[in-house]
Protein backbone atom coordinates (compact mmCIF):
# COMPACT_ATOMS: atom_id res chain seq x y z
CA MET A 1 14.32 13.66 -31.41
CA LYS A 2 12.26 16.64 -33.07
CA THR A 3 15.07 17.15 -35.99
CA GLU A 4 14.82 13.43 -36.69
CA ILE A 5 11.24 13.75 -36.75
CA GLY A 6 11.20 16.41 -38.90
CA ARG A 7 14.06 14.62 -41.58
CA LYS A 8 11.40 11.86 -41.83
CA LEU A 9 8.40 13.90 -42.42
CA ARG A 10 10.43 16.18 -45.32
CA SER A 11 11.75 12.69 -46.66
CA GLU A 12 7.91 11.20 -47.17
CA ALA A 13 6.69 14.82 -48.27
CA THR A 14 9.48 14.46 -50.50
CA LYS A 15 8.52 11.26 -51.88
CA ARG A 16 5.00 12.52 -52.29
CA ALA A 17 5.78 15.70 -53.77
CA ALA A 18 7.32 13.76 -56.67
CA SER A 19 4.48 12.32 -58.03
CA HIS A 20 2.49 15.62 -56.99
CA PRO A 21 4.82 18.65 -57.02
CA VAL A 22 1.61 21.06 -55.94
CA ASN A 23 0.98 19.11 -52.93
CA VAL A 24 4.28 19.29 -50.85
CA GLU A 25 2.23 21.29 -47.96
CA ARG A 26 -0.68 18.64 -47.88
CA ALA A 27 1.94 15.82 -47.68
CA LEU A 28 3.65 17.42 -44.58
CA MET A 29 0.28 18.02 -42.83
CA ALA A 30 -0.67 14.14 -43.45
CA GLY A 31 2.84 13.14 -42.30
CA SER A 32 2.22 15.31 -38.90
CA ARG A 33 -1.20 13.92 -37.98
CA ARG A 34 -0.14 10.45 -38.89
CA TYR A 35 2.83 10.91 -36.26
CA TRP A 36 0.82 12.69 -34.06
CA TRP A 37 -2.31 10.14 -33.90
CA LYS A 38 0.15 7.32 -33.21
CA ALA A 39 1.66 8.99 -30.68
CA LEU A 40 -1.67 9.56 -29.08
CA ALA A 41 -2.37 6.00 -29.29
CA ALA A 42 0.81 4.89 -27.41
CA TYR A 43 -0.15 7.69 -24.78
CA ALA A 44 -3.86 6.51 -24.57
CA SER A 45 -2.63 2.68 -24.34
CA ALA A 46 0.01 3.30 -21.59
CA THR A 47 -2.74 5.54 -19.61
CA ALA A 48 -5.40 2.48 -20.09
CA VAL A 49 -2.76 -0.09 -18.49
CA ILE A 50 -2.01 2.49 -15.90
CA ILE A 51 -5.76 2.80 -14.92
CA LEU A 52 -6.05 -0.93 -15.17
CA LEU A 53 -3.25 -1.73 -12.92
CA THR A 54 -4.16 0.78 -10.14
CA GLY A 55 -7.99 -0.68 -10.39
CA ALA A 56 -6.54 -4.00 -9.65
CA VAL A 57 -4.46 -2.97 -7.01
CA LEU A 58 -7.45 -0.75 -5.17
CA LEU A 59 -9.60 -3.83 -5.55
CA GLY A 60 -7.09 -6.11 -4.04
CA HIS A 61 -6.76 -4.18 -0.94
CA LEU A 62 -10.54 -3.18 -0.57
CA ALA A 63 -11.01 -7.10 -0.76
CA ASN A 64 -8.50 -7.34 2.17
CA VAL A 65 -10.44 -4.57 4.06
CA GLY A 66 -13.19 -7.36 5.89
CA LEU A 67 -10.48 -9.70 6.97
CA PHE A 68 -9.67 -7.31 9.96
CA THR A 69 -11.93 -7.42 13.06
CA GLU A 70 -11.88 -5.99 16.13
CA VAL A 71 -9.90 -8.05 19.01
CA THR A 72 -10.54 -7.31 22.49
CA PHE A 73 -9.21 -8.99 25.67
CA THR A 74 -11.57 -11.92 27.67
CA ALA A 75 -9.31 -12.74 30.54
CA ILE A 76 -6.40 -11.73 32.64
CA THR A 77 -3.93 -14.36 34.00
CA VAL A 78 -1.62 -13.86 36.50
CA THR A 79 1.28 -15.84 37.18
CA PRO A 80 2.46 -17.27 39.48
CA ALA A 81 -1.16 -17.65 40.99
CA MET A 82 -0.44 -18.88 44.49
CA VAL A 83 2.38 -17.09 46.12
CA SER A 84 3.93 -18.20 49.68
CA MET A 85 6.53 -15.49 51.25
CA LEU A 86 8.09 -14.79 54.46
CA ASP A 87 8.76 -11.43 55.75
CA GLY A 88 10.85 -9.66 53.80
CA ASP A 89 10.59 -11.60 50.46
CA SER A 90 9.49 -10.22 47.04
CA ARG A 91 8.32 -11.74 44.07
CA ALA A 92 7.74 -10.30 40.68
CA LEU A 93 4.36 -11.17 39.12
CA THR A 94 3.18 -11.10 35.73
CA ALA A 95 0.10 -10.65 33.85
CA GLU A 96 -0.71 -12.52 30.18
CA LEU A 97 -3.74 -11.37 28.26
CA THR A 98 -6.02 -13.63 26.55
CA TYR A 99 -7.90 -11.74 23.46
CA SER A 100 -11.18 -12.75 21.92
CA ASP A 101 -9.47 -14.11 18.64
CA GLY A 102 -7.57 -16.69 21.07
CA SER A 103 -4.06 -14.99 20.97
CA THR A 104 -2.28 -13.96 23.98
CA GLY A 105 -0.04 -11.16 25.17
CA THR A 106 2.01 -10.09 28.27
CA ALA A 107 0.05 -6.96 30.03
CA THR A 108 2.90 -4.22 29.90
CA ALA A 109 0.96 -1.28 31.77
CA VAL A 110 -0.60 -3.11 35.03
CA ALA A 111 -1.29 -1.26 38.46
CA TRP A 112 -0.64 -4.05 40.95
CA THR A 113 -2.40 -3.07 44.16
CA SER A 114 -2.64 -5.12 47.82
CA SER A 115 -6.27 -5.75 49.15
CA ASN A 116 -4.21 -5.90 52.79
CA SER A 117 -1.21 -3.44 52.96
CA LEU A 118 -0.51 -4.83 56.28
CA VAL A 119 0.15 -7.96 54.93
CA ALA A 120 1.71 -7.01 51.56
CA ALA A 121 2.95 -4.28 50.02
CA VAL A 122 3.57 -3.30 46.42
CA ASP A 123 6.03 -1.13 44.22
């Protein structure tokens, strides 16, 4: 790439030198400056686009921050609610949580106990 640019600069300088033979060096400098200004302008444009896109993405994320609110559970429902059992029977119970946003979910870490261990044992 450098060789190609050098050839283009020399070609431009040679054309200009034909009309002003004393100014070959000046023509090379003018061509170099023109090339570097174009390269700098392209770099600055690309950088500006990247900065604007990054800013737009960040603003989009910041706008969504307010959409998330803290959710707590408001009720626990045990199913089945009533159980009739005979001696030696066993039943599985589930606990469902209701959250402040109206959603529900099954409780996974429940510590089941019996208020009267002579009537029912929990394991």
